C-alpha atoms as a PDB file:
ATOM      1  CA  MET A   1       4.344  42.220 -16.421  1.00  0.00           C
ATOM      2  CA  HIS A   2       6.637  42.029 -19.600  1.00  0.00           C
ATOM      3  CA  GLN A   3       9.598  40.332 -18.830  1.00  0.00           C
ATOM      4  CA  SER A   4      12.775  40.990 -21.449  1.00  0.00           C
ATOM      5  CA  ALA A   5      13.898  37.407 -21.035  1.00  0.00           C
ATOM      6  CA  GLY A   6      11.922  34.475 -22.533  1.00  0.00           C
ATOM      7  CA  ALA A   7      10.354  31.632 -21.384  1.00  0.00           C
ATOM      8  CA  GLU A   8      11.908  28.391 -21.103  1.00  0.00           C
ATOM      9  CA  PRO A   9      11.326  26.523 -24.518  1.00  0.00           C
ATOM     10  CA  SER A  10       9.650  23.349 -22.528  1.00  0.00           C
ATOM     11  CA  THR A  11       7.407  25.806 -20.299  1.00  0.00           C
ATOM     12  CA  LEU A  12       6.381  27.757 -23.706  1.00  0.00           C
ATOM     13  CA  SER A  13       5.485  24.451 -25.581  1.00  0.00           C
ATOM     14  CA  TRP A  14       3.675  23.172 -22.113  1.00  0.00           C
ATOM     15  CA  LEU A  15       1.413  25.912 -22.049  1.00  0.00           C
ATOM     16  CA  GLN A  16       0.462  26.466 -25.498  1.00  0.00           C
ATOM     17  CA  THR A  17      -0.553  22.704 -25.574  1.00  0.00           C
ATOM     18  CA  THR A  18      -2.718  23.577 -22.199  1.00  0.00           C
ATOM     19  CA  VAL A  19      -4.290  26.651 -23.997  1.00  0.00           C
ATOM     20  CA  GLN A  20      -5.133  24.641 -26.850  1.00  0.00           C
ATOM     21  CA  GLU A  21      -6.547  21.861 -24.770  1.00  0.00           C
ATOM     22  CA  VAL A  22      -8.909  23.940 -22.302  1.00  0.00           C
ATOM     23  CA  LEU A  23      -9.976  26.566 -25.073  1.00  0.00           C
ATOM     24  CA  GLN A  24     -10.368  23.379 -27.571  1.00  0.00           C
ATOM     25  CA  LEU A  25      -8.336  25.033 -30.393  1.00  0.00           C
ATOM     26  CA  ALA A  26      -6.810  23.530 -33.354  1.00  0.00           C
ATOM     27  CA  GLU A  27      -3.506  21.576 -32.355  1.00  0.00           C
ATOM     28  CA  GLY A  28      -1.588  23.668 -34.889  1.00  0.00           C
ATOM     29  CA  GLU A  29      -3.064  27.023 -34.129  1.00  0.00           C
ATOM     30  CA  GLU A  30      -0.359  29.600 -33.164  1.00  0.00           C
ATOM     31  CA  VAL A  31      -1.189  30.930 -29.730  1.00  0.00           C
ATOM     32  CA  SER A  32       2.144  32.075 -28.467  1.00  0.00           C
ATOM     33  CA  ALA A  33       1.770  35.796 -29.626  1.00  0.00           C
ATOM     34  CA  ARG A  34      -1.725  36.191 -28.551  1.00  0.00           C
ATOM     35  CA  THR A  35      -3.588  36.875 -25.135  1.00  0.00           C
ATOM     36  CA  LEU A  36      -6.049  34.584 -23.717  1.00  0.00           C
ATOM     37  CA  ARG A  37      -8.671  37.561 -24.265  1.00  0.00           C
ATOM     38  CA  GLU A  38      -7.766  37.439 -28.031  1.00  0.00           C
ATOM     39  CA  LEU A  39      -8.462  33.748 -28.008  1.00  0.00           C
ATOM     40  CA  ALA A  40     -11.967  34.412 -26.875  1.00  0.00           C
ATOM     41  CA  ALA A  41     -11.231  32.325 -24.072  1.00  0.00           C
ATOM     42  CA  THR A  42     -14.634  32.369 -21.487  1.00  0.00           C
ATOM     43  CA  SER A  43     -14.173  32.945 -17.838  1.00  0.00           C
ATOM     44  CA  LEU A  44     -14.388  29.202 -17.125  1.00  0.00           C
ATOM     45  CA  GLN A  45     -11.693  28.381 -19.719  1.00  0.00           C
ATOM     46  CA  THR A  46      -9.588  30.912 -18.091  1.00  0.00           C
ATOM     47  CA  VAL A  47     -10.049  29.318 -14.859  1.00  0.00           C
ATOM     48  CA  GLY A  48      -9.507  26.014 -16.202  1.00  0.00           C
ATOM     49  CA  VAL A  49      -5.966  27.496 -17.673  1.00  0.00           C
ATOM     50  CA  GLN A  50      -5.354  29.140 -14.155  1.00  0.00           C
ATOM     51  CA  TYR A  51      -5.968  25.664 -12.353  1.00  0.00           C
ATOM     52  CA  ARG A  52      -3.901  23.740 -14.769  1.00  0.00           C
ATOM     53  CA  ILE A  53      -1.121  26.268 -14.343  1.00  0.00           C
ATOM     54  CA  LEU A  54      -1.085  25.697 -10.481  1.00  0.00           C
ATOM     55  CA  ARG A  55      -1.958  22.056 -10.754  1.00  0.00           C
ATOM     56  CA  GLU A  56       1.360  21.275 -13.113  1.00  0.00           C
ATOM     57  CA  SER A  57       3.770  24.052 -12.031  1.00  0.00           C
ATOM     58  CA  SER A  58       2.901  24.890  -8.664  1.00  0.00           C
ATOM     59  CA  VAL A  59       2.713  28.649  -9.803  1.00  0.00           C
ATOM     60  CA  GLN A  60      -0.325  30.894  -8.890  1.00  0.00           C
ATOM     61  CA  LEU A  61      -1.276  33.366 -11.623  1.00  0.00           C
ATOM     62  CA  GLU A  62      -3.693  35.646 -10.730  1.00  0.00           C
ATOM     63  CA  MET A  63      -7.042  36.171 -12.842  1.00  0.00           C
ATOM     64  CA  SER A  64      -6.106  39.825 -13.707  1.00  0.00           C
ATOM     65  CA  GLU A  65      -2.807  38.635 -14.804  1.00  0.00           C
ATOM     66  CA  LEU A  66      -4.379  35.895 -17.195  1.00  0.00           C
ATOM     67  CA  ILE A  67      -7.154  38.422 -18.708  1.00  0.00           C
ATOM     68  CA  GLY A  68      -4.288  41.067 -18.941  1.00  0.00           C
ATOM     69  CA  ASP A  69      -2.223  42.049 -21.919  1.00  0.00           C
ATOM     70  CA  ALA A  70      -0.037  39.415 -21.555  1.00  0.00           C
ATOM     71  CA  SER A  71       0.629  37.023 -24.127  1.00  0.00           C
ATOM     72  CA  ILE A  72       0.714  33.366 -23.908  1.00  0.00           C
ATOM     73  CA  ALA A  73       4.520  33.579 -24.312  1.00  0.00           C
ATOM     74  CA  GLU A  74       4.719  36.111 -21.450  1.00  0.00           C
ATOM     75  CA  LEU A  75       2.442  34.131 -19.212  1.00  0.00           C
ATOM     76  CA  ALA A  76       5.024  31.316 -19.708  1.00  0.00           C
ATOM     77  CA  ALA A  77       7.978  33.768 -19.124  1.00  0.00           C
ATOM     78  CA  LEU A  78       6.346  34.883 -15.834  1.00  0.00           C
ATOM     79  CA  ILE A  79       5.684  31.443 -14.773  1.00  0.00           C
ATOM     80  CA  ASP A  80       9.180  30.504 -15.368  1.00  0.00           C
ATOM     81  CA  GLY A  81      10.344  33.610 -13.422  1.00  0.00           C
ATOM     82  CA  ARG A  82       8.008  32.606 -10.418  1.00  0.00           C
ATOM     83  CA  ARG A  83       9.360  29.554 -10.433  1.00  0.00           C
ATOM     84  CA  GLN A  84      13.016  30.760 -10.453  1.00  0.00           C
ATOM     85  CA  GLY A  85      12.131  33.232  -7.716  1.00  0.00           C
ATOM     86  CA  ALA A  86      10.714  30.273  -5.483  1.00  0.00           C
ATOM     87  CA  ALA A  87      13.618  28.163  -6.116  1.00  0.00           C
END
């Protein structure tokens, strides 16, 4: 799951904002290096993040990917990789 290439800055920025909004975190709270589990996301919040990713990027991330060991930055890189793979 770990990707050597980083996410596009715009994808990472968007995903950080999405996570902060769905989890109702402070706007300045650092989330990129943390997992959803470390951010104490509930199952409903995780589904909310999953839905927003699908709706806004057309990329489907599995629940196991969202609750696994991937940081928010790694999830953003995964989204970018799947977008490129679909192109």
